[in-house]
Amino acid sequence: MKGVIFVFYDVYKALCTQRGISLSRAAAEIGLSNATVTKWKKTGAAPSGETLTRVAAYFGVSVDRLLEVETPASDSMGMDDFTYALYNETQTLTEENKQKLLEMARFFRQQQEKEGR
């Protein structure tokens, strides 16, 4: 599926590697559990704002750096405020509801194309 791919876990892992420390050691030093890091890996979810700030401070990077996104070359979708907000709101939806939301978005896009927008 085309779209934004969130890579928080990958950024976190790369920053740990650059520092020469394990993911669990960094988590412990930041005050996070290993379960939290596992959740990032399994779900692709980014942490809360407070946790992002703590992780950024620990590594000496900006929060923006932690929230890097990859946009596949064939996709022109950007990471605007709406896209980010939608991502956060959909994290806890069931797969069925995520699919319904995707279908709605496609419907609206098709309607706009028909209307020449």
N, C-alpha and C. Protein backbone atom coordinates (compact mmCIF):
# COMPACT_ATOMS: atom_id res chain seq x y z
N MET A 1 0.84 -1.17 0.00
CA MET A 1 0.00 0.00 0.00
C MET A 1 0.89 1.23 0.00
N LYS A 2 0.57 2.19 -0.86
CA LYS A 2 1.31 3.43 -0.91
C LYS A 2 0.96 4.27 0.30
N GLY A 3 1.87 5.16 0.67
CA GLY A 3 1.56 6.07 1.77
C GLY A 3 2.77 6.31 2.63
N VAL A 4 2.53 6.95 3.73
CA VAL A 4 3.58 7.29 4.66
C VAL A 4 3.92 6.07 5.50
N ILE A 5 5.18 5.82 5.66
CA ILE A 5 5.64 4.72 6.48
C ILE A 5 6.38 5.32 7.68
N PHE A 6 5.85 5.11 8.86
CA PHE A 6 6.46 5.66 10.05
C PHE A 6 7.60 4.76 10.49
N VAL A 7 8.71 5.36 10.80
CA VAL A 7 9.90 4.57 11.09
C VAL A 7 10.52 4.96 12.43
N PHE A 8 9.70 5.34 13.40
CA PHE A 8 10.24 5.76 14.69
C PHE A 8 11.16 4.70 15.27
N TYR A 9 10.72 3.46 15.29
CA TYR A 9 11.53 2.39 15.85
C TYR A 9 12.88 2.30 15.14
N ASP A 10 12.86 2.40 13.82
CA ASP A 10 14.10 2.32 13.05
C ASP A 10 15.04 3.47 13.39
N VAL A 11 14.49 4.66 13.57
CA VAL A 11 15.31 5.81 13.95
C VAL A 11 15.90 5.58 15.34
N TYR A 12 15.07 5.14 16.27
CA TYR A 12 15.52 4.84 17.63
C TYR A 12 16.65 3.80 17.61
N LYS A 13 16.45 2.75 16.85
CA LYS A 13 17.45 1.68 16.75
C LYS A 13 18.76 2.22 16.16
N ALA A 14 18.65 3.04 15.11
CA ALA A 14 19.85 3.61 14.48
C ALA A 14 20.60 4.53 15.45
N LEU A 15 19.86 5.31 16.22
CA LEU A 15 20.51 6.20 17.19
C LEU A 15 21.21 5.40 18.27
N CYS A 16 20.62 4.30 18.70
CA CYS A 16 21.28 3.42 19.67
C CYS A 16 22.56 2.83 19.08
N THR A 17 22.47 2.38 17.84
CA THR A 17 23.65 1.81 17.17
C THR A 17 24.76 2.84 17.05
N GLN A 18 24.40 4.06 16.66
CA GLN A 18 25.40 5.13 16.54
C GLN A 18 26.09 5.40 17.87
N ARG A 19 25.35 5.26 18.95
CA ARG A 19 25.90 5.50 20.29
C ARG A 19 26.62 4.28 20.83
N GLY A 20 26.42 3.15 20.17
CA GLY A 20 27.06 1.91 20.62
C GLY A 20 26.43 1.33 21.87
N ILE A 21 25.12 1.51 22.02
CA ILE A 21 24.42 0.97 23.18
C ILE A 21 23.23 0.13 22.72
N SER A 22 22.78 -0.73 23.57
CA SER A 22 21.63 -1.57 23.23
C SER A 22 20.35 -0.77 23.35
N LEU A 23 19.33 -1.25 22.68
CA LEU A 23 18.03 -0.59 22.74
C LEU A 23 17.48 -0.62 24.16
N SER A 24 17.68 -1.73 24.86
CA SER A 24 17.16 -1.84 26.23
C SER A 24 17.93 -0.93 27.19
N ARG A 25 19.22 -0.78 26.98
CA ARG A 25 19.99 0.13 27.84
C ARG A 25 19.54 1.57 27.65
N ALA A 26 19.35 1.98 26.40
CA ALA A 26 18.88 3.34 26.14
C ALA A 26 17.51 3.54 26.78
N ALA A 27 16.63 2.56 26.63
CA ALA A 27 15.30 2.68 27.22
C ALA A 27 15.40 2.86 28.73
N ALA A 28 16.23 2.04 29.37
CA ALA A 28 16.38 2.12 30.82
C ALA A 28 16.93 3.49 31.23
N GLU A 29 17.90 4.00 30.49
CA GLU A 29 18.49 5.30 30.82
C GLU A 29 17.51 6.45 30.59
N ILE A 30 16.58 6.26 29.67
CA ILE A 30 15.55 7.27 29.41
C ILE A 30 14.42 7.14 30.42
N GLY A 31 14.32 5.96 31.05
CA GLY A 31 13.25 5.71 32.01
C GLY A 31 12.06 5.01 31.40
N LEU A 32 12.32 4.23 30.36
CA LEU A 32 11.26 3.51 29.65
C LEU A 32 11.45 2.01 29.85
N SER A 33 10.38 1.27 29.66
CA SER A 33 10.46 -0.19 29.78
C SER A 33 10.82 -0.82 28.43
N ASN A 34 11.31 -2.03 28.49
CA ASN A 34 11.58 -2.77 27.26
C ASN A 34 10.28 -3.05 26.51
N ALA A 35 9.18 -3.19 27.25
CA ALA A 35 7.89 -3.43 26.63
C ALA A 35 7.49 -2.26 25.74
N THR A 36 7.86 -1.06 26.15
CA THR A 36 7.56 0.12 25.34
C THR A 36 8.28 0.06 24.01
N VAL A 37 9.56 -0.30 24.04
CA VAL A 37 10.34 -0.41 22.82
C VAL A 37 9.78 -1.52 21.94
N THR A 38 9.38 -2.62 22.54
CA THR A 38 8.78 -3.72 21.78
C THR A 38 7.49 -3.26 21.10
N LYS A 39 6.70 -2.46 21.80
CA LYS A 39 5.46 -1.93 21.22
C LYS A 39 5.78 -1.08 19.99
N TRP A 40 6.80 -0.23 20.06
CA TRP A 40 7.19 0.60 18.91
C TRP A 40 7.54 -0.30 17.73
N LYS A 41 8.27 -1.36 18.02
CA LYS A 41 8.71 -2.26 16.95
C LYS A 41 7.54 -2.99 16.32
N LYS A 42 6.65 -3.52 17.14
CA LYS A 42 5.55 -4.35 16.65
C LYS A 42 4.45 -3.54 15.97
N THR A 43 4.16 -2.35 16.50
CA THR A 43 3.02 -1.59 15.99
C THR A 43 3.41 -0.46 15.05
N GLY A 44 4.67 -0.06 15.08
CA GLY A 44 5.08 1.09 14.28
C GLY A 44 4.64 2.40 14.88
N ALA A 45 4.09 2.35 16.07
CA ALA A 45 3.58 3.55 16.72
C ALA A 45 4.72 4.42 17.22
N ALA A 46 4.48 5.71 17.19
CA ALA A 46 5.41 6.67 17.79
C ALA A 46 4.95 6.92 19.21
N PRO A 47 5.88 7.28 20.10
CA PRO A 47 5.49 7.52 21.48
C PRO A 47 4.75 8.85 21.66
N SER A 48 4.28 9.07 22.86
CA SER A 48 3.59 10.32 23.20
C SER A 48 4.57 11.49 23.11
N GLY A 49 4.02 12.68 23.12
CA GLY A 49 4.84 13.88 23.03
C GLY A 49 5.88 13.98 24.13
N GLU A 50 5.49 13.67 25.36
CA GLU A 50 6.42 13.73 26.49
C GLU A 50 7.57 12.75 26.30
N THR A 51 7.24 11.54 25.89
CA THR A 51 8.28 10.53 25.67
C THR A 51 9.17 10.92 24.51
N LEU A 52 8.59 11.46 23.45
CA LEU A 52 9.39 11.93 22.32
C LEU A 52 10.41 12.96 22.78
N THR A 53 9.97 13.87 23.62
CA THR A 53 10.86 14.92 24.13
C THR A 53 12.00 14.31 24.94
N ARG A 54 11.69 13.31 25.76
CA ARG A 54 12.73 12.66 26.57
C ARG A 54 13.71 11.90 25.69
N VAL A 55 13.20 11.19 24.69
CA VAL A 55 14.07 10.43 23.79
C VAL A 55 14.95 11.39 22.99
N ALA A 56 14.37 12.47 22.50
CA ALA A 56 15.14 13.46 21.73
C ALA A 56 16.25 14.06 22.59
N ALA A 57 15.93 14.41 23.82
CA ALA A 57 16.93 14.99 24.72
C ALA A 57 18.05 13.99 25.00
N TYR A 58 17.70 12.74 25.20
CA TYR A 58 18.69 11.70 25.47
C TYR A 58 19.69 11.57 24.33
N PHE A 59 19.19 11.58 23.11
CA PHE A 59 20.07 11.41 21.96
C PHE A 59 20.63 12.73 21.43
N GLY A 60 20.12 13.85 21.93
CA GLY A 60 20.60 15.15 21.47
C GLY A 60 20.16 15.46 20.05
N VAL A 61 18.93 15.05 19.73
CA VAL A 61 18.38 15.30 18.39
C VAL A 61 17.03 16.00 18.55
N SER A 62 16.51 16.50 17.45
CA SER A 62 15.19 17.13 17.49
C SER A 62 14.10 16.07 17.45
N VAL A 63 12.93 16.46 17.92
CA VAL A 63 11.77 15.57 17.83
C VAL A 63 11.46 15.27 16.37
N ASP A 64 11.63 16.27 15.50
CA ASP A 64 11.42 16.06 14.07
C ASP A 64 12.31 14.93 13.54
N ARG A 65 13.53 14.87 14.02
CA ARG A 65 14.45 13.81 13.59
C ARG A 65 13.90 12.43 13.99
N LEU A 66 13.31 12.37 15.18
CA LEU A 66 12.75 11.11 15.64
C LEU A 66 11.54 10.67 14.84
N LEU A 67 10.83 11.65 14.30
CA LEU A 67 9.59 11.36 13.57
C LEU A 67 9.80 11.33 12.07
N GLU A 68 11.00 10.99 11.66
CA GLU A 68 11.25 10.87 10.23
C GLU A 68 10.21 9.96 9.61
N VAL A 69 9.82 10.28 8.41
CA VAL A 69 8.91 9.42 7.67
C VAL A 69 9.54 9.11 6.34
N GLU A 70 9.20 7.97 5.83
CA GLU A 70 9.63 7.61 4.49
C GLU A 70 8.42 7.70 3.60
N THR A 71 8.59 8.33 2.47
CA THR A 71 7.52 8.39 1.49
C THR A 71 8.01 7.65 0.27
N PRO A 72 7.41 6.55 -0.07
CA PRO A 72 7.86 5.80 -1.24
C PRO A 72 7.97 6.71 -2.46
N ALA A 73 8.97 6.48 -3.28
CA ALA A 73 9.25 7.35 -4.43
C ALA A 73 8.05 7.50 -5.35
N SER A 74 7.24 6.46 -5.46
CA SER A 74 6.11 6.53 -6.37
C SER A 74 4.90 7.23 -5.75
N ASP A 75 5.04 7.73 -4.54
CA ASP A 75 3.92 8.34 -3.83
C ASP A 75 4.26 9.78 -3.51
N SER A 76 3.37 10.69 -3.85
CA SER A 76 3.64 12.11 -3.62
C SER A 76 3.05 12.60 -2.31
N MET A 77 2.54 11.70 -1.49
CA MET A 77 1.91 12.09 -0.24
C MET A 77 2.93 12.66 0.73
N GLY A 78 2.63 13.80 1.31
CA GLY A 78 3.52 14.42 2.26
C GLY A 78 3.03 14.21 3.68
N MET A 79 3.85 14.60 4.62
CA MET A 79 3.49 14.45 6.02
C MET A 79 3.02 15.81 6.54
N ASP A 80 1.81 16.19 6.16
CA ASP A 80 1.27 17.45 6.65
C ASP A 80 0.60 17.22 8.00
N ASP A 81 0.11 18.30 8.62
CA ASP A 81 -0.51 18.20 9.94
C ASP A 81 -1.71 17.25 9.93
N PHE A 82 -2.52 17.31 8.88
CA PHE A 82 -3.70 16.45 8.80
C PHE A 82 -3.29 14.98 8.77
N THR A 83 -2.31 14.67 7.95
CA THR A 83 -1.86 13.28 7.82
C THR A 83 -1.35 12.76 9.16
N TYR A 84 -0.58 13.58 9.86
CA TYR A 84 -0.05 13.17 11.16
C TYR A 84 -1.19 12.98 12.16
N ALA A 85 -2.14 13.92 12.18
CA ALA A 85 -3.28 13.82 13.09
C ALA A 85 -4.09 12.56 12.80
N LEU A 86 -4.32 12.29 11.54
CA LEU A 86 -5.08 11.10 11.15
C LEU A 86 -4.35 9.83 11.59
N TYR A 87 -3.06 9.82 11.41
CA TYR A 87 -2.26 8.67 11.84
C TYR A 87 -2.46 8.41 13.33
N ASN A 88 -2.35 9.49 14.13
CA ASN A 88 -2.50 9.33 15.58
C ASN A 88 -3.90 8.84 15.96
N GLU A 89 -4.90 9.35 15.29
CA GLU A 89 -6.28 8.99 15.61
C GLU A 89 -6.62 7.56 15.22
N THR A 90 -5.93 7.00 14.27
CA THR A 90 -6.27 5.67 13.78
C THR A 90 -5.47 4.54 14.42
N GLN A 91 -4.56 4.85 15.30
CA GLN A 91 -3.70 3.83 15.91
C GLN A 91 -4.48 2.72 16.60
N THR A 92 -5.60 3.05 17.23
CA THR A 92 -6.31 2.04 18.00
C THR A 92 -7.52 1.47 17.27
N LEU A 93 -7.72 1.85 16.03
CA LEU A 93 -8.84 1.31 15.27
C LEU A 93 -8.58 -0.15 14.90
N THR A 94 -9.65 -0.90 14.76
CA THR A 94 -9.51 -2.28 14.29
C THR A 94 -9.09 -2.26 12.82
N GLU A 95 -8.56 -3.36 12.35
CA GLU A 95 -8.17 -3.43 10.94
C GLU A 95 -9.38 -3.21 10.04
N GLU A 96 -10.52 -3.73 10.46
CA GLU A 96 -11.75 -3.55 9.68
C GLU A 96 -12.10 -2.06 9.56
N ASN A 97 -12.02 -1.34 10.66
CA ASN A 97 -12.34 0.09 10.62
C ASN A 97 -11.29 0.89 9.86
N LYS A 98 -10.03 0.48 9.94
CA LYS A 98 -8.99 1.13 9.15
C LYS A 98 -9.28 0.97 7.67
N GLN A 99 -9.71 -0.23 7.29
CA GLN A 99 -10.03 -0.49 5.89
C GLN A 99 -11.20 0.37 5.43
N LYS A 100 -12.23 0.50 6.28
CA LYS A 100 -13.37 1.34 5.96
C LYS A 100 -12.95 2.80 5.77
N LEU A 101 -12.08 3.27 6.64
CA LEU A 101 -11.58 4.65 6.54
C LEU A 101 -10.80 4.85 5.25
N LEU A 102 -9.99 3.88 4.88
CA LEU A 102 -9.24 3.94 3.64
C LEU A 102 -10.18 3.98 2.44
N GLU A 103 -11.22 3.16 2.48
CA GLU A 103 -12.20 3.16 1.39
C GLU A 103 -12.90 4.51 1.28
N MET A 104 -13.22 5.12 2.41
CA MET A 104 -13.85 6.45 2.39
C MET A 104 -12.92 7.49 1.75
N ALA A 105 -11.67 7.45 2.12
CA ALA A 105 -10.70 8.40 1.57
C ALA A 105 -10.59 8.23 0.05
N ARG A 106 -10.56 6.98 -0.39
CA ARG A 106 -10.50 6.72 -1.84
C ARG A 106 -11.76 7.24 -2.53
N PHE A 107 -12.91 7.05 -1.90
CA PHE A 107 -14.17 7.54 -2.46
C PHE A 107 -14.11 9.06 -2.63
N PHE A 108 -13.68 9.77 -1.59
CA PHE A 108 -13.61 11.23 -1.67
C PHE A 108 -12.62 11.69 -2.74
N ARG A 109 -11.50 10.99 -2.85
CA ARG A 109 -10.52 11.34 -3.89
C ARG A 109 -11.12 11.15 -5.28
N GLN A 110 -11.82 10.05 -5.48
CA GLN A 110 -12.45 9.79 -6.78
C GLN A 110 -13.51 10.84 -7.09
N GLN A 111 -14.27 11.25 -6.09
CA GLN A 111 -15.28 12.29 -6.30
C GLN A 111 -14.62 13.60 -6.73
N GLN A 112 -13.54 13.95 -6.09
CA GLN A 112 -12.82 15.17 -6.47
C GLN A 112 -12.28 15.09 -7.88
N GLU A 113 -11.78 13.93 -8.26
CA GLU A 113 -11.25 13.75 -9.61
C GLU A 113 -12.37 13.91 -10.64
N LYS A 114 -13.54 13.38 -10.32
CA LYS A 114 -14.69 13.51 -11.23
C LYS A 114 -15.11 14.96 -11.36
N GLU A 115 -14.98 15.72 -10.28
CA GLU A 115 -15.39 17.12 -10.28
C GLU A 115 -14.28 18.02 -10.84
N GLY A 116 -13.13 17.43 -11.15
CA GLY A 116 -12.03 18.20 -11.75
C GLY A 116 -11.25 19.03 -10.74
N ARG A 117 -11.25 18.65 -9.51
CA ARG A 117 -10.48 19.39 -8.49
C ARG A 117 -9.11 18.86 -8.32
